[in-house]
Amino acid sequence: LSPHVQDMISFVHENYMHRIQLRDLASHVNVSSNYLNTKFKAEIGTTFNDYLNQYRIQRAVQLLLTGSKVYGVASQVGIPDYKYFVKVFKKYVGSSPHELQVG
């Protein structure tokens, strides 16, 4: 992977719980958002935002399986809008977070 894409992935893994926008990353490394997204998609096979959401939902699944409550999990993984969280969760998991919740 190119250094830019490696940096993007590391940034997601370390900051997924915060608001992340591609343009912020682009300005940080002094390249355009379009360039970064194109490079990311070429190397990873998906857009940056799709990767970010997938990673957030993976973390949400882990939290739900340890007994965390759905409302809390949504904000813990960086998606504070609960309805949007449920929509994104269903897109990647195929079921609602309530169906996965333990306890």
N, C-alpha and C. Protein backbone atom coordinates (compact mmCIF):
# COMPACT_ATOMS: atom_id res chain seq x y z
N LEU A 1 0.83 -1.20 0.00
CA LEU A 1 0.00 0.00 0.00
C LEU A 1 0.87 1.25 0.00
N SER A 2 0.36 2.27 -0.63
CA SER A 2 1.08 3.54 -0.67
C SER A 2 1.09 4.17 0.73
N PRO A 3 2.05 5.05 0.99
CA PRO A 3 2.09 5.71 2.30
C PRO A 3 0.80 6.48 2.62
N HIS A 4 0.21 7.15 1.61
CA HIS A 4 -1.03 7.90 1.88
C HIS A 4 -2.15 6.97 2.34
N VAL A 5 -2.30 5.85 1.66
CA VAL A 5 -3.38 4.91 2.00
C VAL A 5 -3.10 4.26 3.36
N GLN A 6 -1.86 3.91 3.63
CA GLN A 6 -1.52 3.37 4.95
C GLN A 6 -1.85 4.37 6.05
N ASP A 7 -1.53 5.63 5.81
CA ASP A 7 -1.85 6.68 6.78
C ASP A 7 -3.34 6.82 6.99
N MET A 8 -4.11 6.73 5.91
CA MET A 8 -5.56 6.85 6.00
C MET A 8 -6.14 5.72 6.84
N ILE A 9 -5.67 4.50 6.61
CA ILE A 9 -6.16 3.34 7.36
C ILE A 9 -5.80 3.47 8.84
N SER A 10 -4.56 3.86 9.11
CA SER A 10 -4.14 4.05 10.50
C SER A 10 -4.98 5.12 11.17
N PHE A 11 -5.25 6.20 10.45
CA PHE A 11 -6.04 7.29 11.00
C PHE A 11 -7.44 6.81 11.36
N VAL A 12 -8.05 6.02 10.50
CA VAL A 12 -9.39 5.47 10.78
C VAL A 12 -9.35 4.60 12.03
N HIS A 13 -8.37 3.71 12.12
CA HIS A 13 -8.30 2.79 13.25
C HIS A 13 -8.07 3.52 14.56
N GLU A 14 -7.39 4.64 14.53
CA GLU A 14 -7.10 5.39 15.75
C GLU A 14 -8.18 6.43 16.09
N ASN A 15 -8.97 6.86 15.08
CA ASN A 15 -9.89 7.98 15.28
C ASN A 15 -11.33 7.71 14.86
N TYR A 16 -11.68 6.44 14.63
CA TYR A 16 -13.02 6.12 14.12
C TYR A 16 -14.14 6.66 15.00
N MET A 17 -13.85 6.86 16.28
CA MET A 17 -14.89 7.31 17.20
C MET A 17 -15.17 8.81 17.11
N HIS A 18 -14.36 9.50 16.31
CA HIS A 18 -14.54 10.94 16.11
C HIS A 18 -15.10 11.22 14.72
N ARG A 19 -15.51 12.44 14.51
CA ARG A 19 -15.97 12.86 13.19
C ARG A 19 -14.75 12.90 12.27
N ILE A 20 -14.82 12.18 11.16
CA ILE A 20 -13.72 12.13 10.20
C ILE A 20 -14.26 12.51 8.84
N GLN A 21 -13.61 13.47 8.21
CA GLN A 21 -13.97 13.83 6.85
C GLN A 21 -12.73 13.72 5.97
N LEU A 22 -12.93 13.23 4.79
CA LEU A 22 -11.83 13.04 3.86
C LEU A 22 -11.09 14.34 3.59
N ARG A 23 -11.81 15.44 3.52
CA ARG A 23 -11.15 16.72 3.23
C ARG A 23 -10.19 17.13 4.34
N ASP A 24 -10.49 16.74 5.58
CA ASP A 24 -9.57 17.02 6.69
C ASP A 24 -8.27 16.23 6.53
N LEU A 25 -8.40 14.97 6.17
CA LEU A 25 -7.22 14.15 5.92
C LEU A 25 -6.42 14.69 4.74
N ALA A 26 -7.13 15.10 3.70
CA ALA A 26 -6.47 15.61 2.50
C ALA A 26 -5.67 16.87 2.81
N SER A 27 -6.24 17.77 3.57
CA SER A 27 -5.51 19.00 3.90
C SER A 27 -4.34 18.69 4.83
N HIS A 28 -4.48 17.68 5.66
CA HIS A 28 -3.41 17.28 6.57
C HIS A 28 -2.17 16.79 5.79
N VAL A 29 -2.42 16.04 4.70
CA VAL A 29 -1.29 15.53 3.91
C VAL A 29 -1.04 16.37 2.66
N ASN A 30 -1.78 17.46 2.54
CA ASN A 30 -1.55 18.45 1.47
C ASN A 30 -1.79 17.92 0.06
N VAL A 31 -2.86 17.14 -0.10
CA VAL A 31 -3.30 16.68 -1.43
C VAL A 31 -4.82 16.87 -1.50
N SER A 32 -5.39 16.71 -2.68
CA SER A 32 -6.84 16.91 -2.83
C SER A 32 -7.62 15.70 -2.32
N SER A 33 -8.86 15.97 -1.92
CA SER A 33 -9.75 14.90 -1.48
C SER A 33 -9.99 13.89 -2.60
N ASN A 34 -10.18 14.41 -3.82
CA ASN A 34 -10.42 13.52 -4.96
C ASN A 34 -9.24 12.59 -5.19
N TYR A 35 -8.03 13.14 -5.09
CA TYR A 35 -6.83 12.31 -5.27
C TYR A 35 -6.79 11.21 -4.22
N LEU A 36 -7.00 11.59 -2.95
CA LEU A 36 -6.96 10.59 -1.88
C LEU A 36 -8.02 9.52 -2.06
N ASN A 37 -9.23 9.93 -2.38
CA ASN A 37 -10.31 8.95 -2.53
C ASN A 37 -10.05 8.01 -3.71
N THR A 38 -9.54 8.57 -4.81
CA THR A 38 -9.23 7.75 -5.98
C THR A 38 -8.12 6.75 -5.66
N LYS A 39 -7.09 7.23 -4.99
CA LYS A 39 -5.96 6.38 -4.60
C LYS A 39 -6.43 5.28 -3.65
N PHE A 40 -7.25 5.66 -2.68
CA PHE A 40 -7.76 4.71 -1.70
C PHE A 40 -8.59 3.63 -2.39
N LYS A 41 -9.50 4.06 -3.25
CA LYS A 41 -10.37 3.10 -3.93
C LYS A 41 -9.57 2.16 -4.83
N ALA A 42 -8.56 2.69 -5.50
CA ALA A 42 -7.73 1.86 -6.38
C ALA A 42 -6.97 0.79 -5.59
N GLU A 43 -6.52 1.14 -4.40
CA GLU A 43 -5.70 0.21 -3.62
C GLU A 43 -6.51 -0.70 -2.70
N ILE A 44 -7.63 -0.20 -2.19
CA ILE A 44 -8.41 -0.96 -1.21
C ILE A 44 -9.65 -1.59 -1.85
N GLY A 45 -10.17 -0.96 -2.92
CA GLY A 45 -11.32 -1.52 -3.60
C GLY A 45 -12.65 -0.95 -3.14
N THR A 46 -12.59 0.04 -2.28
CA THR A 46 -13.81 0.69 -1.80
C THR A 46 -13.48 2.15 -1.50
N THR A 47 -14.51 2.97 -1.39
CA THR A 47 -14.26 4.38 -1.08
C THR A 47 -13.82 4.53 0.37
N PHE A 48 -13.22 5.65 0.66
CA PHE A 48 -12.78 5.94 2.03
C PHE A 48 -13.96 5.92 2.98
N ASN A 49 -15.06 6.58 2.62
CA ASN A 49 -16.22 6.64 3.51
C ASN A 49 -16.82 5.26 3.75
N ASP A 50 -16.83 4.42 2.72
CA ASP A 50 -17.34 3.07 2.88
C ASP A 50 -16.44 2.27 3.84
N TYR A 51 -15.14 2.42 3.67
CA TYR A 51 -14.20 1.74 4.57
C TYR A 51 -14.40 2.21 6.01
N LEU A 52 -14.53 3.52 6.19
CA LEU A 52 -14.74 4.09 7.52
C LEU A 52 -16.00 3.52 8.16
N ASN A 53 -17.09 3.49 7.41
CA ASN A 53 -18.35 2.94 7.95
C ASN A 53 -18.22 1.46 8.26
N GLN A 54 -17.56 0.71 7.38
CA GLN A 54 -17.37 -0.73 7.63
C GLN A 54 -16.59 -0.94 8.92
N TYR A 55 -15.54 -0.16 9.10
CA TYR A 55 -14.72 -0.32 10.30
C TYR A 55 -15.53 0.04 11.55
N ARG A 56 -16.29 1.12 11.47
CA ARG A 56 -17.12 1.52 12.60
C ARG A 56 -18.12 0.43 12.97
N ILE A 57 -18.72 -0.18 11.98
CA ILE A 57 -19.70 -1.22 12.25
C ILE A 57 -19.02 -2.48 12.80
N GLN A 58 -17.83 -2.80 12.34
CA GLN A 58 -17.09 -3.93 12.93
C GLN A 58 -16.86 -3.70 14.42
N ARG A 59 -16.47 -2.49 14.77
CA ARG A 59 -16.25 -2.14 16.18
C ARG A 59 -17.58 -2.20 16.94
N ALA A 60 -18.65 -1.74 16.31
CA ALA A 60 -19.97 -1.77 16.96
C ALA A 60 -20.38 -3.21 17.26
N VAL A 61 -20.16 -4.10 16.32
CA VAL A 61 -20.49 -5.52 16.53
C VAL A 61 -19.73 -6.06 17.74
N GLN A 62 -18.45 -5.75 17.82
CA GLN A 62 -17.65 -6.21 18.96
C GLN A 62 -18.22 -5.69 20.28
N LEU A 63 -18.59 -4.42 20.29
CA LEU A 63 -19.14 -3.83 21.51
C LEU A 63 -20.48 -4.45 21.88
N LEU A 64 -21.33 -4.65 20.89
CA LEU A 64 -22.65 -5.24 21.15
C LEU A 64 -22.52 -6.67 21.68
N LEU A 65 -21.54 -7.40 21.18
CA LEU A 65 -21.35 -8.78 21.62
C LEU A 65 -20.80 -8.87 23.04
N THR A 66 -20.29 -7.75 23.54
CA THR A 66 -19.82 -7.74 24.93
C THR A 66 -20.86 -7.16 25.88
N GLY A 67 -22.06 -6.87 25.35
CA GLY A 67 -23.16 -6.43 26.20
C GLY A 67 -23.40 -4.93 26.23
N SER A 68 -22.69 -4.17 25.44
CA SER A 68 -22.93 -2.73 25.41
C SER A 68 -24.30 -2.43 24.82
N LYS A 69 -24.89 -1.34 25.25
CA LYS A 69 -26.22 -0.94 24.79
C LYS A 69 -26.13 -0.22 23.45
N VAL A 70 -27.12 -0.42 22.60
CA VAL A 70 -27.11 0.10 21.24
C VAL A 70 -26.92 1.61 21.20
N TYR A 71 -27.66 2.34 22.02
CA TYR A 71 -27.56 3.80 21.99
C TYR A 71 -26.13 4.26 22.28
N GLY A 72 -25.52 3.65 23.27
CA GLY A 72 -24.15 4.01 23.63
C GLY A 72 -23.16 3.63 22.56
N VAL A 73 -23.37 2.47 21.94
CA VAL A 73 -22.46 1.99 20.91
C VAL A 73 -22.43 2.94 19.72
N ALA A 74 -23.58 3.44 19.34
CA ALA A 74 -23.66 4.34 18.19
C ALA A 74 -22.69 5.51 18.33
N SER A 75 -22.73 6.18 19.45
CA SER A 75 -21.84 7.33 19.64
C SER A 75 -20.40 6.90 19.89
N GLN A 76 -20.20 5.74 20.50
CA GLN A 76 -18.84 5.25 20.75
C GLN A 76 -18.08 4.98 19.45
N VAL A 77 -18.79 4.62 18.40
CA VAL A 77 -18.12 4.31 17.13
C VAL A 77 -18.17 5.48 16.15
N GLY A 78 -18.57 6.65 16.62
CA GLY A 78 -18.50 7.83 15.78
C GLY A 78 -19.72 8.12 14.93
N ILE A 79 -20.85 7.48 15.25
CA ILE A 79 -22.10 7.74 14.52
C ILE A 79 -23.15 8.16 15.54
N PRO A 80 -23.12 9.43 15.96
CA PRO A 80 -24.01 9.87 17.04
C PRO A 80 -25.49 9.93 16.67
N ASP A 81 -25.81 9.97 15.38
CA ASP A 81 -27.21 9.97 14.95
C ASP A 81 -27.70 8.52 14.98
N TYR A 82 -28.54 8.21 15.97
CA TYR A 82 -28.96 6.84 16.21
C TYR A 82 -29.65 6.21 15.00
N LYS A 83 -30.57 6.95 14.37
CA LYS A 83 -31.29 6.39 13.22
C LYS A 83 -30.33 6.09 12.07
N TYR A 84 -29.38 6.97 11.85
CA TYR A 84 -28.39 6.74 10.80
C TYR A 84 -27.51 5.53 11.16
N PHE A 85 -27.16 5.39 12.42
CA PHE A 85 -26.37 4.25 12.88
C PHE A 85 -27.10 2.94 12.55
N VAL A 86 -28.38 2.87 12.87
CA VAL A 86 -29.16 1.65 12.61
C VAL A 86 -29.19 1.36 11.11
N LYS A 87 -29.36 2.40 10.29
CA LYS A 87 -29.38 2.23 8.84
C LYS A 87 -28.04 1.69 8.32
N VAL A 88 -26.95 2.28 8.78
CA VAL A 88 -25.62 1.84 8.35
C VAL A 88 -25.35 0.42 8.85
N PHE A 89 -25.73 0.15 10.08
CA PHE A 89 -25.54 -1.18 10.66
C PHE A 89 -26.24 -2.24 9.82
N LYS A 90 -27.50 -1.98 9.49
CA LYS A 90 -28.26 -2.94 8.68
C LYS A 90 -27.62 -3.15 7.31
N LYS A 91 -27.07 -2.08 6.73
CA LYS A 91 -26.43 -2.18 5.41
C LYS A 91 -25.26 -3.17 5.45
N TYR A 92 -24.44 -3.11 6.48
CA TYR A 92 -23.24 -3.94 6.54
C TYR A 92 -23.43 -5.29 7.22
N VAL A 93 -24.37 -5.37 8.15
CA VAL A 93 -24.55 -6.61 8.91
C VAL A 93 -25.75 -7.42 8.41
N GLY A 94 -26.75 -6.73 7.89
CA GLY A 94 -27.92 -7.43 7.39
C GLY A 94 -29.03 -7.58 8.41
N SER A 95 -28.80 -7.09 9.60
CA SER A 95 -29.81 -7.11 10.64
C SER A 95 -29.65 -5.86 11.50
N SER A 96 -30.61 -5.63 12.38
CA SER A 96 -30.53 -4.43 13.21
C SER A 96 -29.57 -4.70 14.38
N PRO A 97 -29.02 -3.65 14.96
CA PRO A 97 -28.14 -3.84 16.10
C PRO A 97 -28.85 -4.47 17.29
N HIS A 98 -30.15 -4.27 17.40
CA HIS A 98 -30.92 -4.86 18.51
C HIS A 98 -30.95 -6.39 18.42
N GLU A 99 -30.92 -6.90 17.20
CA GLU A 99 -30.94 -8.35 17.02
C GLU A 99 -29.62 -8.98 17.45
N LEU A 100 -28.55 -8.20 17.43
CA LEU A 100 -27.22 -8.71 17.78
C LEU A 100 -26.90 -8.50 19.25
N GLN A 101 -27.58 -7.54 19.86
CA GLN A 101 -27.27 -7.14 21.24
C GLN A 101 -27.39 -8.32 22.21
N VAL A 102 -26.42 -8.43 23.08
CA VAL A 102 -26.40 -9.48 24.11
C VAL A 102 -27.03 -8.91 25.37
N GLY A 103 -27.81 -9.74 26.05
CA GLY A 103 -28.38 -9.32 27.34
C GLY A 103 -29.40 -8.31 27.17
